[in-house]
Amino acid sequence: MEERLQKILSGAGICSRRAAEGYLAAGRVAVNGVTARVGEKADPERDRVTVDGVPVAAGAPRVWLMLHKPRGYVTTLSDEKGRRTAAELVADCGHRVWPVGRLDLDSEGLLLFSNDGAGTNRLLHPSHEVEKEYRVLVEGDVAAALPILNGPMELDGDLLAPSRASVLRTGSGGGEIAVVIHQGKNRQVRRMCAQAGLRVRRLCRVREGTLRLGSLPSGKWRYLTREEEAALLL
C-alpha cells in the first residue's frame, strides 16, 4: 500500500516527518532511482526508497538513548563549520538516530537521541511540557537573583512559563543553582540568568522528565530501558 514518503522515512527511523520534508526538498530521497519530491508516495513493499543512496529498511526497531554531551560539541547531525557534533559520539550505536532537543555548544549533560519520529514529535511538542533540570555554576549575587528567576520573566517578548530555581551552594562571588523549566527557547537558562544579573560559568542538564543523567560519564551514551521510554513518553 502506498504511503507518503515522510511517513515511510519516519517509520523506518531515518528522521521525523518534519525533517523528512527537508530531505525531500533537498533532493536526498529517491524512489526506484528517481529523485522524489514533497508530497509523493511509495509502496515500501514494492518500491526501492533510498536516502543519500542508502536503502530505507522498513520496520526498523525503535531506539532511544541518552548521551552525556560534553562542552564543545554542537547538537546537529553535521556542521557546515566543521565543528565536532554530538552525533559523532553516538555513531557506534548501530542505528540512524537524531538528537531530540538541543544543548548549545557550551552546555553539557543529558541529551536524548532516537529514531522514533512520532515519539520525537510528541516529546518536543509544547503541550507535553517535559520538565528539564539544570545545574548551573554562576558568578554574581545569587540571593538577589533567586526572586527574579522564580518570578515572571519574558524572553523575545513572550511571558515564560513559571520556572523553579533554588540554591545548591554559595561561595565568594557566586555559587551553584538548580533551575527547572519546561520550555525550550534558545539558550533559555543562560538568558534567564543574564536577566537576573548572573554570569553562567558552567551549565549541565541533569534531568529530563523522570530520566536522570546519573553517573553516566561525559562523552558516553547508553540505551534507555523500556520502562524509561514508557515514562518519558507518557
Protein backbone atom coordinates (compact mmCIF):
# COMPACT_ATOMS: atom_id res chain seq x y z
CA MET A 1 0.00 0.00 0.00
CA GLU A 2 1.31 3.43 -0.91
CA GLU A 3 2.21 5.87 1.85
CA ARG A 4 3.62 9.37 1.90
CA LEU A 5 7.41 9.32 1.83
CA GLN A 6 7.55 11.38 5.04
CA LYS A 7 5.71 8.57 6.84
CA ILE A 8 7.94 5.89 5.32
CA LEU A 9 11.14 7.67 6.39
CA SER A 10 9.79 8.31 9.88
CA GLY A 11 8.60 4.73 10.30
CA ALA A 12 11.99 3.42 9.21
CA GLY A 13 13.71 5.53 11.88
CA ILE A 14 15.51 7.81 9.41
CA CYS A 15 14.15 11.08 10.75
CA SER A 16 10.99 12.80 11.92
CA ARG A 17 8.24 13.55 9.40
CA ARG A 18 9.07 17.25 9.55
CA ALA A 19 12.75 16.57 8.89
CA ALA A 20 11.77 14.25 6.02
CA GLU A 21 10.24 17.21 4.21
CA GLY A 22 13.66 18.87 4.31
CA TYR A 23 15.30 15.71 2.97
CA LEU A 24 12.81 15.64 0.09
CA ALA A 25 13.19 19.35 -0.68
CA ALA A 26 16.96 18.89 -0.79
CA GLY A 27 16.69 16.04 -3.28
CA ARG A 28 18.16 13.45 -0.92
CA VAL A 29 15.32 10.93 -1.34
CA ALA A 30 14.77 8.72 -4.37
CA VAL A 31 12.16 6.14 -5.35
CA ASN A 32 13.33 3.47 -7.77
CA GLY A 33 16.29 5.66 -8.67
CA VAL A 34 14.25 8.79 -9.39
CA THR A 35 14.60 11.83 -7.13
CA ALA A 36 11.39 12.28 -5.14
CA ARG A 37 9.59 15.45 -4.15
CA VAL A 38 7.48 16.57 -1.20
CA GLY A 39 4.01 15.05 -1.37
CA GLU A 40 4.96 11.93 -3.32
CA LYS A 41 4.06 8.42 -2.20
CA ALA A 42 5.61 4.97 -2.49
CA ASP A 43 4.85 1.37 -1.58
CA PRO A 44 7.57 0.22 0.85
CA GLU A 45 6.88 -3.41 -0.09
CA ARG A 46 7.25 -2.81 -3.83
CA ASP A 47 9.37 0.32 -4.33
CA ARG A 48 13.03 0.91 -3.55
CA VAL A 49 13.28 4.03 -1.40
CA THR A 50 16.73 5.47 -0.68
CA VAL A 51 18.14 8.40 1.30
CA ASP A 52 21.52 9.62 0.06
CA GLY A 53 21.69 6.40 -1.95
CA VAL A 54 21.21 4.17 1.11
CA PRO A 55 18.13 1.90 1.02
CA VAL A 56 15.48 2.56 3.65
CA ALA A 57 14.73 -0.52 5.73
CA ALA A 58 11.08 -0.70 6.72
CA GLY A 59 10.22 -1.73 10.25
CA ALA A 60 13.48 -0.63 11.88
CA PRO A 61 13.46 -1.19 15.67
CA ARG A 62 12.67 1.83 17.80
CA VAL A 63 15.74 3.18 19.57
CA TRP A 64 16.09 5.69 22.41
CA LEU A 65 19.38 6.54 24.07
CA MET A 66 20.88 9.21 26.27
CA LEU A 67 24.25 10.86 25.78
CA HIS A 68 26.24 12.81 28.34
CA LYS A 69 27.15 15.60 25.92
CA PRO A 70 30.43 17.32 26.72
CA ARG A 71 31.05 21.00 26.17
CA GLY A 72 32.43 21.90 22.77
CA TYR A 73 30.02 19.78 20.69
CA VAL A 74 27.14 21.13 18.61
CA THR A 75 23.76 19.40 18.66
CA THR A 76 23.47 18.60 14.97
CA LEU A 77 23.95 15.61 12.68
CA SER A 78 26.52 17.56 10.65
CA ASP A 79 28.04 21.02 10.87
CA GLU A 80 28.96 23.26 7.95
CA LYS A 81 31.67 24.92 10.07
CA GLY A 82 33.42 21.62 10.72
CA ARG A 83 32.78 21.65 14.46
CA ARG A 84 32.50 18.45 16.45
CA THR A 85 28.92 17.14 16.66
CA ALA A 86 27.12 15.24 19.38
CA ALA A 87 26.04 12.76 16.69
CA GLU A 88 29.67 11.64 16.32
CA LEU A 89 29.60 10.42 19.92
CA VAL A 90 26.68 8.03 19.29
CA ALA A 91 27.73 6.90 15.81
CA ASP A 92 28.61 3.44 17.16
CA CYS A 93 25.04 2.74 18.36
CA GLY A 94 24.29 0.85 15.14
CA HIS A 95 21.22 2.90 14.17
CA ARG A 96 20.46 6.16 12.34
CA VAL A 97 19.37 8.40 15.20
CA TRP A 98 18.90 12.14 15.61
CA PRO A 99 19.04 14.49 18.62
CA VAL A 100 15.75 15.05 20.45
CA GLY A 101 16.04 18.62 21.69
CA ARG A 102 19.19 20.70 21.93
CA LEU A 103 22.09 21.69 24.14
CA ASP A 104 24.20 24.60 22.94
CA LEU A 105 27.91 24.38 22.20
CA ASP A 106 29.00 25.45 25.69
CA SER A 107 26.44 23.37 27.61
CA GLU A 108 26.72 19.75 28.69
CA GLY A 109 24.64 16.97 30.16
CA LEU A 110 21.68 14.80 29.23
CA LEU A 111 20.87 14.77 25.52
CA LEU A 112 18.42 12.28 24.02
CA PHE A 113 18.78 10.59 20.63
CA SER A 114 16.18 8.47 18.85
CA ASN A 115 14.93 7.12 15.53
CA ASP A 116 11.31 7.35 16.72
CA GLY A 117 9.71 10.12 14.66
CA ALA A 118 6.33 10.03 16.38
CA GLY A 119 7.93 9.93 19.84
CA THR A 120 10.22 12.81 18.95
CA ASN A 121 7.32 14.98 17.82
CA ARG A 122 5.35 14.12 20.93
CA LEU A 123 8.22 14.88 23.29
CA LEU A 124 9.08 18.21 21.65
CA HIS A 125 5.51 19.47 21.34
CA PRO A 126 4.89 22.38 23.76
CA SER A 127 1.77 20.68 25.15
CA HIS A 128 3.88 17.82 26.52
CA GLU A 129 5.63 20.20 28.98
CA VAL A 130 8.53 17.93 29.88
CA GLU A 131 10.47 19.28 32.86
CA LYS A 132 14.18 19.85 32.35
CA GLU A 133 16.51 20.38 35.29
CA TYR A 134 19.89 22.11 35.10
CA ARG A 135 22.81 22.56 37.46
CA VAL A 136 24.33 25.98 36.84
CA LEU A 137 27.59 27.42 38.16
CA VAL A 138 27.24 31.19 38.21
CA GLU A 139 29.02 34.39 39.14
CA GLY A 140 27.07 37.21 40.78
CA ASP A 141 24.65 37.87 43.60
CA VAL A 142 22.78 34.56 43.87
CA ALA A 143 20.49 35.70 46.68
CA ALA A 144 19.32 38.73 44.70
CA ALA A 145 18.88 36.69 41.52
CA LEU A 146 16.69 33.97 43.00
CA PRO A 147 13.43 36.00 43.33
CA ILE A 148 13.87 37.17 39.73
CA LEU A 149 14.36 33.64 38.41
CA ASN A 150 11.30 32.45 40.33
CA GLY A 151 9.15 35.38 39.26
CA PRO A 152 7.53 36.37 35.96
CA MET A 153 10.13 36.58 33.17
CA GLU A 154 9.99 37.38 29.46
CA LEU A 155 12.14 36.32 26.52
CA ASP A 156 11.68 37.56 22.97
CA GLY A 157 8.58 39.43 24.12
CA ASP A 158 6.90 36.25 25.39
CA LEU A 159 5.99 35.58 29.01
CA LEU A 160 7.79 32.43 30.13
CA ALA A 161 6.07 29.59 31.91
CA PRO A 162 6.99 29.64 35.62
CA SER A 163 10.38 28.13 36.44
CA ARG A 164 11.81 26.90 39.73
CA ALA A 165 15.22 27.97 40.91
CA SER A 166 16.96 27.00 44.14
CA VAL A 167 20.39 27.48 45.66
CA LEU A 168 22.61 24.43 45.94
CA ARG A 169 25.63 26.22 47.37
CA THR A 170 27.11 29.68 47.56
CA GLY A 171 30.66 30.91 47.63
CA SER A 172 32.73 34.00 47.12
CA GLY A 173 31.27 35.89 44.18
CA GLY A 174 28.80 33.26 43.05
CA GLY A 175 27.57 29.73 43.60
CA GLU A 176 25.63 26.85 42.12
CA ILE A 177 21.89 26.85 41.46
CA ALA A 178 19.33 24.34 40.20
CA VAL A 179 16.89 25.60 37.56
CA VAL A 180 13.83 23.64 36.38
CA ILE A 181 11.99 24.70 33.20
CA HIS A 182 9.59 23.03 30.78
CA GLN A 183 10.05 25.20 27.71
CA GLY A 184 12.79 25.12 25.11
CA LYS A 185 13.61 28.64 23.98
CA ASN A 186 17.06 29.15 22.56
CA ARG A 187 19.66 29.34 25.38
CA GLN A 188 16.78 29.90 27.78
CA VAL A 189 18.52 29.21 31.10
CA ARG A 190 21.57 31.28 30.16
CA ARG A 191 19.38 34.20 29.13
CA MET A 192 17.26 33.93 32.27
CA CYS A 193 20.40 34.05 34.40
CA ALA A 194 21.66 37.08 32.48
CA GLN A 195 18.38 38.90 33.18
CA ALA A 196 18.82 38.09 36.86
CA GLY A 197 22.34 39.55 36.88
CA LEU A 198 24.23 36.26 36.85
CA ARG A 199 27.05 35.14 34.58
CA VAL A 200 26.95 31.43 33.73
CA ARG A 201 30.27 29.66 34.08
CA ARG A 202 29.01 26.13 33.50
CA LEU A 203 25.63 24.62 32.66
CA CYS A 204 24.69 20.94 32.81
CA ARG A 205 21.31 19.33 32.17
CA VAL A 206 20.82 16.57 34.74
CA ARG A 207 17.18 15.56 34.25
CA GLU A 208 14.51 15.41 31.55
CA GLY A 209 11.12 14.30 32.81
CA THR A 210 11.75 11.29 35.03
CA LEU A 211 15.02 10.49 33.26
CA ARG A 212 18.21 11.39 35.15
CA LEU A 213 21.76 11.68 33.85
CA GLY A 214 23.09 9.92 36.94
CA SER A 215 26.70 8.75 36.82
CA LEU A 216 26.97 8.41 33.03
CA PRO A 217 30.48 9.69 32.16
CA SER A 218 30.93 12.69 29.90
CA GLY A 219 31.07 11.66 26.24
CA LYS A 220 29.41 8.28 26.86
CA TRP A 221 25.94 7.04 25.97
CA ARG A 222 23.55 4.26 26.95
CA TYR A 223 20.24 2.87 25.72
CA LEU A 224 17.10 3.74 27.68
CA THR A 225 15.26 0.86 29.27
CA ARG A 226 11.73 0.14 28.07
CA GLU A 227 10.47 1.42 31.44
CA GLU A 228 12.37 4.70 30.95
CA GLU A 229 10.98 5.06 27.42
CA ALA A 230 7.42 4.50 28.60
CA ALA A 231 7.73 7.02 31.44
CA LEU A 232 9.33 9.62 29.15
CA LEU A 233 6.61 9.41 26.52
CA LEU A 234 3.58 9.32 28.83
